[in-house]
Amino acid sequence: MTPAPITSQDLLARLAEVIESRKPEAGGDPATSYVARLFAKGTDAILKKIGEEATETVMAAKDGVPEKIVYEVADLWFHSMIALAAFGLKPADVLAELARREGLSGLEEFALRKVAQRDKDGT
């Protein structure tokens, strides 16, 4: 029997579980785990790393080398997943938001956000 193919969502969920297991409250050891070390340094360190990875992604895209782009986007996604975990969120939360946006044009989605913000501000 051929096993069912692994979906992207399955992969993200498994990676999220590993990241969760590296949190200090889950016993993650900063001496042996890069992710645990980032968690121990705090949110600012995690966010700084995302900024670095975003910059590296832009530089790779400007170079136009597909392998470099994929490598840097993987780093960016990975560090973004660490940030999600730091705030008690999961990849499924992002996937749900993307699903909510599916079928909306970018311009339509932007306009809806502006209206929602105006309603929130009472203007």
C-alpha atoms as a PDB file:
ATOM      1  CA  MET A   1       0.000   0.000   0.000  1.00  0.00           C
ATOM      2  CA  THR A   2       1.375   3.396  -0.989  1.00  0.00           C
ATOM      3  CA  PRO A   3       1.303   5.918   1.845  1.00  0.00           C
ATOM      4  CA  ALA A   4      -0.771   9.044   1.337  1.00  0.00           C
ATOM      5  CA  PRO A   5       1.268  11.966   0.031  1.00  0.00           C
ATOM      6  CA  ILE A   6       2.352  14.515   2.609  1.00  0.00           C
ATOM      7  CA  THR A   7       0.582  17.823   2.108  1.00  0.00           C
ATOM      8  CA  SER A   8       2.140  21.214   2.672  1.00  0.00           C
ATOM      9  CA  GLN A   9      -0.277  21.704   5.549  1.00  0.00           C
ATOM     10  CA  ASP A  10       0.925  18.443   7.148  1.00  0.00           C
ATOM     11  CA  LEU A  11       4.538  19.537   6.824  1.00  0.00           C
ATOM     12  CA  LEU A  12       3.824  22.949   8.350  1.00  0.00           C
ATOM     13  CA  ALA A  13       1.885  21.343  11.215  1.00  0.00           C
ATOM     14  CA  ARG A  14       4.746  18.922  11.962  1.00  0.00           C
ATOM     15  CA  LEU A  15       7.299  21.714  11.879  1.00  0.00           C
ATOM     16  CA  ALA A  16       5.077  23.798  14.176  1.00  0.00           C
ATOM     17  CA  GLU A  17       4.992  20.882  16.646  1.00  0.00           C
ATOM     18  CA  VAL A  18       8.792  20.716  16.663  1.00  0.00           C
ATOM     19  CA  ILE A  19       9.003  24.474  17.208  1.00  0.00           C
ATOM     20  CA  GLU A  20       6.498  24.219  20.098  1.00  0.00           C
ATOM     21  CA  SER A  21       8.620  21.477  21.661  1.00  0.00           C
ATOM     22  CA  ARG A  22      11.595  23.849  21.698  1.00  0.00           C
ATOM     23  CA  LYS A  23       9.858  26.478  23.854  1.00  0.00           C
ATOM     24  CA  PRO A  24      11.412  26.857  27.317  1.00  0.00           C
ATOM     25  CA  GLU A  25       8.150  25.799  29.000  1.00  0.00           C
ATOM     26  CA  ALA A  26       8.229  22.605  26.919  1.00  0.00           C
ATOM     27  CA  GLY A  27      11.790  21.832  28.005  1.00  0.00           C
ATOM     28  CA  GLY A  28      13.639  23.326  25.039  1.00  0.00           C
ATOM     29  CA  ASP A  29      17.332  23.676  25.858  1.00  0.00           C
ATOM     30  CA  PRO A  30      19.061  26.796  24.507  1.00  0.00           C
ATOM     31  CA  ALA A  31      22.396  24.991  24.822  1.00  0.00           C
ATOM     32  CA  THR A  32      21.378  22.375  22.276  1.00  0.00           C
ATOM     33  CA  SER A  33      18.634  23.977  20.164  1.00  0.00           C
ATOM     34  CA  TYR A  34      18.791  27.027  17.922  1.00  0.00           C
ATOM     35  CA  VAL A  35      15.017  27.521  18.231  1.00  0.00           C
ATOM     36  CA  ALA A  36      15.158  27.247  22.030  1.00  0.00           C
ATOM     37  CA  ARG A  37      17.974  29.806  22.022  1.00  0.00           C
ATOM     38  CA  LEU A  38      15.828  32.224  19.984  1.00  0.00           C
ATOM     39  CA  PHE A  39      12.886  31.745  22.352  1.00  0.00           C
ATOM     40  CA  ALA A  40      15.201  32.349  25.330  1.00  0.00           C
ATOM     41  CA  LYS A  41      16.435  35.613  23.784  1.00  0.00           C
ATOM     42  CA  GLY A  42      12.864  36.822  23.458  1.00  0.00           C
ATOM     43  CA  THR A  43      10.519  38.341  20.927  1.00  0.00           C
ATOM     44  CA  ASP A  44      12.866  41.125  19.833  1.00  0.00           C
ATOM     45  CA  ALA A  45      15.510  38.588  18.784  1.00  0.00           C
ATOM     46  CA  ILE A  46      12.926  36.557  16.874  1.00  0.00           C
ATOM     47  CA  LEU A  47      11.606  39.635  15.079  1.00  0.00           C
ATOM     48  CA  LYS A  48      15.123  40.829  14.277  1.00  0.00           C
ATOM     49  CA  LYS A  49      15.828  37.452  12.695  1.00  0.00           C
ATOM     50  CA  ILE A  50      12.683  37.756  10.543  1.00  0.00           C
ATOM     51  CA  GLY A  51      13.900  41.164   9.365  1.00  0.00           C
ATOM     52  CA  GLU A  52      17.287  39.697   8.446  1.00  0.00           C
ATOM     53  CA  GLU A  53      15.682  36.821   6.577  1.00  0.00           C
ATOM     54  CA  ALA A  54      13.302  39.164   4.739  1.00  0.00           C
ATOM     55  CA  THR A  55      16.263  41.264   3.615  1.00  0.00           C
ATOM     56  CA  GLU A  56      18.143  38.162   2.481  1.00  0.00           C
ATOM     57  CA  THR A  57      15.039  37.052   0.550  1.00  0.00           C
ATOM     58  CA  VAL A  58      14.902  40.401  -1.250  1.00  0.00           C
ATOM     59  CA  MET A  59      18.616  40.218  -2.076  1.00  0.00           C
ATOM     60  CA  ALA A  60      18.263  36.664  -3.402  1.00  0.00           C
ATOM     61  CA  ALA A  61      15.315  37.715  -5.564  1.00  0.00           C
ATOM     62  CA  LYS A  62      17.311  40.630  -6.942  1.00  0.00           C
ATOM     63  CA  ASP A  63      20.085  38.153  -7.848  1.00  0.00           C
ATOM     64  CA  GLY A  64      17.447  36.095  -9.656  1.00  0.00           C
ATOM     65  CA  VAL A  65      18.897  32.694  -8.755  1.00  0.00           C
ATOM     66  CA  PRO A  66      15.929  30.369  -8.130  1.00  0.00           C
ATOM     67  CA  GLU A  67      17.787  28.110  -5.676  1.00  0.00           C
ATOM     68  CA  LYS A  68      18.846  31.099  -3.549  1.00  0.00           C
ATOM     69  CA  ILE A  69      15.313  32.471  -3.555  1.00  0.00           C
ATOM     70  CA  VAL A  70      13.847  29.158  -2.379  1.00  0.00           C
ATOM     71  CA  TYR A  71      16.531  28.802   0.314  1.00  0.00           C
ATOM     72  CA  GLU A  72      15.942  32.301   1.690  1.00  0.00           C
ATOM     73  CA  VAL A  73      12.150  32.046   1.562  1.00  0.00           C
ATOM     74  CA  ALA A  74      12.421  28.765   3.498  1.00  0.00           C
ATOM     75  CA  ASP A  75      14.455  30.601   6.159  1.00  0.00           C
ATOM     76  CA  LEU A  76      11.912  33.433   6.220  1.00  0.00           C
ATOM     77  CA  TRP A  77       8.968  31.041   6.584  1.00  0.00           C
ATOM     78  CA  PHE A  78      10.780  29.076   9.304  1.00  0.00           C
ATOM     79  CA  HIS A  79      11.528  32.157  11.375  1.00  0.00           C
ATOM     80  CA  SER A  80       7.998  33.456  10.798  1.00  0.00           C
ATOM     81  CA  MET A  81       6.722  30.180  12.226  1.00  0.00           C
ATOM     82  CA  ILE A  82       8.853  30.750  15.316  1.00  0.00           C
ATOM     83  CA  ALA A  83       7.226  34.179  15.679  1.00  0.00           C
ATOM     84  CA  LEU A  84       3.777  32.642  15.295  1.00  0.00           C
ATOM     85  CA  ALA A  85       4.585  30.175  18.066  1.00  0.00           C
ATOM     86  CA  ALA A  86       5.891  32.981  20.288  1.00  0.00           C
ATOM     87  CA  PHE A  87       2.456  34.599  20.040  1.00  0.00           C
ATOM     88  CA  GLY A  88       0.495  31.369  20.523  1.00  0.00           C
ATOM     89  CA  LEU A  89      -0.426  31.051  16.854  1.00  0.00           C
ATOM     90  CA  LYS A  90      -0.107  28.201  14.370  1.00  0.00           C
ATOM     91  CA  PRO A  91       0.393  27.899  10.616  1.00  0.00           C
ATOM     92  CA  ALA A  92      -3.266  26.843  10.415  1.00  0.00           C
ATOM     93  CA  ASP A  93      -4.203  30.370  11.538  1.00  0.00           C
ATOM     94  CA  VAL A  94      -2.339  31.845   8.567  1.00  0.00           C
ATOM     95  CA  LEU A  95      -3.787  29.240   6.207  1.00  0.00           C
ATOM     96  CA  ALA A  96      -7.284  30.117   7.439  1.00  0.00           C
ATOM     97  CA  GLU A  97      -6.635  33.792   6.733  1.00  0.00           C
ATOM     98  CA  LEU A  98      -5.362  32.967   3.243  1.00  0.00           C
ATOM     99  CA  ALA A  99      -8.462  30.831   2.658  1.00  0.00           C
ATOM    100  CA  ARG A 100     -10.637  33.732   3.803  1.00  0.00           C
ATOM    101  CA  ARG A 101      -8.959  35.959   1.240  1.00  0.00           C
ATOM    102  CA  GLU A 102      -9.193  33.438  -1.578  1.00  0.00           C
ATOM    103  CA  GLY A 103     -11.278  34.797  -4.401  1.00  0.00           C
ATOM    104  CA  LEU A 104     -10.955  38.413  -3.262  1.00  0.00           C
ATOM    105  CA  SER A 105      -8.928  40.699  -5.417  1.00  0.00           C
ATOM    106  CA  GLY A 106      -6.051  42.351  -3.600  1.00  0.00           C
ATOM    107  CA  LEU A 107      -7.599  45.750  -4.210  1.00  0.00           C
ATOM    108  CA  GLU A 108     -10.966  44.592  -2.881  1.00  0.00           C
ATOM    109  CA  GLU A 109      -9.351  43.087   0.228  1.00  0.00           C
ATOM    110  CA  PHE A 110      -7.401  46.312   0.857  1.00  0.00           C
ATOM    111  CA  ALA A 111     -10.580  48.402   0.504  1.00  0.00           C
ATOM    112  CA  LEU A 112     -12.413  46.138   2.963  1.00  0.00           C
ATOM    113  CA  ARG A 113      -9.596  46.572   5.500  1.00  0.00           C
ATOM    114  CA  LYS A 114      -9.800  50.361   5.143  1.00  0.00           C
ATOM    115  CA  VAL A 115     -13.554  50.295   5.754  1.00  0.00           C
ATOM    116  CA  ALA A 116     -13.106  48.013   8.785  1.00  0.00           C
ATOM    117  CA  GLN A 117     -10.440  50.328  10.197  1.00  0.00           C
ATOM    118  CA  ARG A 118     -12.676  53.386   9.710  1.00  0.00           C
ATOM    119  CA  ASP A 119     -15.545  51.577  11.462  1.00  0.00           C
ATOM    120  CA  LYS A 120     -13.220  50.664  14.297  1.00  0.00           C
ATOM    121  CA  ASP A 121     -11.947  54.244  14.607  1.00  0.00           C
ATOM    122  CA  GLY A 122     -15.496  55.639  14.395  1.00  0.00           C
ATOM    123  CA  THR A 123     -14.666  57.969  11.508  1.00  0.00           C
END
